[in-house]
Amino acid sequence: APSLIRHRHRLPLRVVSTDHATEVFRLIDTDASGNICNTELKEVLERLDINASTDDVAALFKFLDKDGDGEVIEAEFLDWYQEMASAVESETNAVRRTLIGRRTVNNFDRTPVPEDVLYNA
């Protein structure tokens, strides 16, 4: 059976820029102190509709506060943010490869799927 995919190139997933990560940091740092405190972290989780207990917030804060000084500075946040962006990129690419491959699905469903749909999935 002919392949539904004519081109096997991969479009790169845009990696989160440092500027974007800095912008996110500044949105969380509502008092513009240059660091994120436990209260600001709890507030951003609430704004994101993440129901985190006080213990959950404390654990996340401790994880982000690499030097244990009680503040999450921008460098600590950026390291974590880039690490998470890389993990998301990796998982997204795995899903993309699966969709593009469609090996199992093609055995049951021969409905053509446009390349742009597969590459942007």
C-alpha atoms as a PDB file:
ATOM      1  CA  ALA A   1       0.000   0.000   0.000  1.00  0.00           C
ATOM      2  CA  PRO A   2       1.347   3.456  -0.833  1.00  0.00           C
ATOM      3  CA  SER A   3       2.345   5.613   2.059  1.00  0.00           C
ATOM      4  CA  LEU A   4       0.085   8.504   2.933  1.00  0.00           C
ATOM      5  CA  ILE A   5       3.178  10.520   3.779  1.00  0.00           C
ATOM      6  CA  ARG A   6       5.218  11.648   0.819  1.00  0.00           C
ATOM      7  CA  HIS A   7       7.874  13.557   2.753  1.00  0.00           C
ATOM      8  CA  ARG A   8       9.613  12.141   5.791  1.00  0.00           C
ATOM      9  CA  HIS A   9      10.960  15.476   7.052  1.00  0.00           C
ATOM     10  CA  ARG A  10      10.145  16.649  10.528  1.00  0.00           C
ATOM     11  CA  LEU A  11       9.177  20.170  11.304  1.00  0.00           C
ATOM     12  CA  PRO A  12      11.052  21.320  14.414  1.00  0.00           C
ATOM     13  CA  LEU A  13       8.963  22.074  17.451  1.00  0.00           C
ATOM     14  CA  ARG A  14       9.626  25.607  18.586  1.00  0.00           C
ATOM     15  CA  VAL A  15      11.548  25.425  21.825  1.00  0.00           C
ATOM     16  CA  VAL A  16      10.514  27.916  24.476  1.00  0.00           C
ATOM     17  CA  SER A  17      12.784  30.931  24.331  1.00  0.00           C
ATOM     18  CA  THR A  18      14.486  32.430  27.365  1.00  0.00           C
ATOM     19  CA  ASP A  19      12.500  35.610  26.725  1.00  0.00           C
ATOM     20  CA  HIS A  20       9.262  33.657  26.979  1.00  0.00           C
ATOM     21  CA  ALA A  21      10.376  31.895  30.165  1.00  0.00           C
ATOM     22  CA  THR A  22      11.417  35.244  31.662  1.00  0.00           C
ATOM     23  CA  GLU A  23       8.013  36.695  30.789  1.00  0.00           C
ATOM     24  CA  VAL A  24       6.308  33.777  32.566  1.00  0.00           C
ATOM     25  CA  PHE A  25       8.571  34.298  35.594  1.00  0.00           C
ATOM     26  CA  ARG A  26       7.613  37.969  35.733  1.00  0.00           C
ATOM     27  CA  LEU A  27       3.914  37.123  35.521  1.00  0.00           C
ATOM     28  CA  ILE A  28       4.279  34.850  38.543  1.00  0.00           C
ATOM     29  CA  ASP A  29       6.442  37.377  40.421  1.00  0.00           C
ATOM     30  CA  THR A  30       3.484  39.679  41.037  1.00  0.00           C
ATOM     31  CA  ASP A  31       5.307  41.959  43.481  1.00  0.00           C
ATOM     32  CA  ALA A  32       8.256  42.418  41.043  1.00  0.00           C
ATOM     33  CA  SER A  33      10.717  41.456  43.777  1.00  0.00           C
ATOM     34  CA  GLY A  34      12.884  39.419  41.412  1.00  0.00           C
ATOM     35  CA  ASN A  35      11.922  36.143  43.042  1.00  0.00           C
ATOM     36  CA  ILE A  36       8.913  33.925  43.470  1.00  0.00           C
ATOM     37  CA  CYS A  37       7.680  33.344  46.993  1.00  0.00           C
ATOM     38  CA  ASN A  38       5.482  30.518  48.231  1.00  0.00           C
ATOM     39  CA  THR A  39       2.383  32.755  48.153  1.00  0.00           C
ATOM     40  CA  GLU A  40       2.950  33.772  44.517  1.00  0.00           C
ATOM     41  CA  LEU A  41       3.400  30.135  43.547  1.00  0.00           C
ATOM     42  CA  LYS A  42       0.143  29.194  45.287  1.00  0.00           C
ATOM     43  CA  GLU A  43      -1.659  32.088  43.559  1.00  0.00           C
ATOM     44  CA  VAL A  44      -0.479  31.090  40.082  1.00  0.00           C
ATOM     45  CA  LEU A  45      -1.533  27.482  40.668  1.00  0.00           C
ATOM     46  CA  GLU A  46      -4.983  28.719  41.728  1.00  0.00           C
ATOM     47  CA  ARG A  47      -5.221  30.940  38.622  1.00  0.00           C
ATOM     48  CA  LEU A  48      -4.415  27.863  36.535  1.00  0.00           C
ATOM     49  CA  ASP A  49      -7.212  25.961  38.307  1.00  0.00           C
ATOM     50  CA  ILE A  50      -4.709  23.548  39.823  1.00  0.00           C
ATOM     51  CA  ASN A  51      -6.114  22.368  43.113  1.00  0.00           C
ATOM     52  CA  ALA A  52      -2.876  22.034  45.087  1.00  0.00           C
ATOM     53  CA  SER A  53      -2.848  21.534  48.818  1.00  0.00           C
ATOM     54  CA  THR A  54      -0.593  23.611  51.043  1.00  0.00           C
ATOM     55  CA  ASP A  55       1.731  20.598  51.219  1.00  0.00           C
ATOM     56  CA  ASP A  56       1.753  20.281  47.418  1.00  0.00           C
ATOM     57  CA  VAL A  57       2.673  23.945  47.023  1.00  0.00           C
ATOM     58  CA  ALA A  58       5.403  23.623  49.666  1.00  0.00           C
ATOM     59  CA  ALA A  59       6.847  20.549  47.922  1.00  0.00           C
ATOM     60  CA  LEU A  60       6.861  22.262  44.529  1.00  0.00           C
ATOM     61  CA  PHE A  61       8.395  25.371  46.029  1.00  0.00           C
ATOM     62  CA  LYS A  62      11.126  23.316  47.712  1.00  0.00           C
ATOM     63  CA  PHE A  63      11.809  21.563  44.396  1.00  0.00           C
ATOM     64  CA  LEU A  64      12.140  24.877  42.533  1.00  0.00           C
ATOM     65  CA  ASP A  65      14.235  26.519  45.275  1.00  0.00           C
ATOM     66  CA  LYS A  66      17.461  24.720  44.377  1.00  0.00           C
ATOM     67  CA  ASP A  67      19.684  26.547  46.872  1.00  0.00           C
ATOM     68  CA  GLY A  68      17.135  26.328  49.698  1.00  0.00           C
ATOM     69  CA  ASP A  69      17.212  30.030  50.536  1.00  0.00           C
ATOM     70  CA  GLY A  70      13.414  30.364  50.642  1.00  0.00           C
ATOM     71  CA  GLU A  71      13.163  32.199  47.315  1.00  0.00           C
ATOM     72  CA  VAL A  72      12.905  30.990  43.743  1.00  0.00           C
ATOM     73  CA  ILE A  73      15.099  33.309  41.726  1.00  0.00           C
ATOM     74  CA  GLU A  74      14.778  33.721  37.994  1.00  0.00           C
ATOM     75  CA  ALA A  75      17.764  31.464  37.209  1.00  0.00           C
ATOM     76  CA  GLU A  76      16.254  28.607  39.233  1.00  0.00           C
ATOM     77  CA  PHE A  77      12.899  29.076  37.522  1.00  0.00           C
ATOM     78  CA  LEU A  78      14.447  29.288  34.037  1.00  0.00           C
ATOM     79  CA  ASP A  79      16.402  26.045  34.555  1.00  0.00           C
ATOM     80  CA  TRP A  80      13.218  24.231  35.558  1.00  0.00           C
ATOM     81  CA  TYR A  81      11.116  25.837  32.816  1.00  0.00           C
ATOM     82  CA  GLN A  82      13.584  24.875  30.080  1.00  0.00           C
ATOM     83  CA  GLU A  83      13.783  21.324  31.450  1.00  0.00           C
ATOM     84  CA  MET A  84       9.994  21.035  31.375  1.00  0.00           C
ATOM     85  CA  ALA A  85       9.834  22.531  27.864  1.00  0.00           C
ATOM     86  CA  SER A  86      12.345  19.909  26.690  1.00  0.00           C
ATOM     87  CA  ALA A  87      10.283  17.119  28.264  1.00  0.00           C
ATOM     88  CA  VAL A  88       7.131  18.399  26.566  1.00  0.00           C
ATOM     89  CA  GLU A  89       9.001  18.673  23.266  1.00  0.00           C
ATOM     90  CA  SER A  90      10.215  15.093  23.582  1.00  0.00           C
ATOM     91  CA  GLU A  91       6.730  13.751  24.347  1.00  0.00           C
ATOM     92  CA  THR A  92       5.174  15.820  21.571  1.00  0.00           C
ATOM     93  CA  ASN A  93       7.695  14.492  19.069  1.00  0.00           C
ATOM     94  CA  ALA A  94       6.955  10.909  20.178  1.00  0.00           C
ATOM     95  CA  VAL A  95       3.233  11.465  19.562  1.00  0.00           C
ATOM     96  CA  ARG A  96       4.009  13.157  16.258  1.00  0.00           C
ATOM     97  CA  ARG A  97       6.160  10.201  15.125  1.00  0.00           C
ATOM     98  CA  THR A  98       3.356   7.818  16.059  1.00  0.00           C
ATOM     99  CA  LEU A  99       0.779   9.822  14.146  1.00  0.00           C
ATOM    100  CA  ILE A 100       3.011  10.159  11.119  1.00  0.00           C
ATOM    101  CA  GLY A 101       3.846   6.467  11.184  1.00  0.00           C
ATOM    102  CA  ARG A 102       0.223   5.403  11.575  1.00  0.00           C
ATOM    103  CA  ARG A 103       1.392   1.813  11.096  1.00  0.00           C
ATOM    104  CA  THR A 104      -1.334   0.239  13.199  1.00  0.00           C
ATOM    105  CA  VAL A 105      -4.067   2.656  12.192  1.00  0.00           C
ATOM    106  CA  ASN A 106      -3.322   2.159   8.496  1.00  0.00           C
ATOM    107  CA  ASN A 107      -4.153  -1.531   8.890  1.00  0.00           C
ATOM    108  CA  PHE A 108      -7.717  -0.596   9.830  1.00  0.00           C
ATOM    109  CA  ASP A 109      -8.359   2.887   8.494  1.00  0.00           C
ATOM    110  CA  ARG A 110      -7.186   4.038   5.088  1.00  0.00           C
ATOM    111  CA  THR A 111      -8.764   7.499   5.380  1.00  0.00           C
ATOM    112  CA  PRO A 112      -6.165   9.959   4.071  1.00  0.00           C
ATOM    113  CA  VAL A 113      -4.932  12.483   6.610  1.00  0.00           C
ATOM    114  CA  PRO A 114      -3.334  15.648   5.203  1.00  0.00           C
ATOM    115  CA  GLU A 115       0.376  15.988   5.975  1.00  0.00           C
ATOM    116  CA  ASP A 116      -0.057  19.368   7.657  1.00  0.00           C
ATOM    117  CA  VAL A 117      -2.464  17.792  10.143  1.00  0.00           C
ATOM    118  CA  LEU A 118       0.071  15.089  11.031  1.00  0.00           C
ATOM    119  CA  TYR A 119       3.020  17.479  11.288  1.00  0.00           C
ATOM    120  CA  ASN A 120       1.110  19.966  13.423  1.00  0.00           C
ATOM    121  CA  ALA A 121      -0.347  17.347  15.757  1.00  0.00           C
END
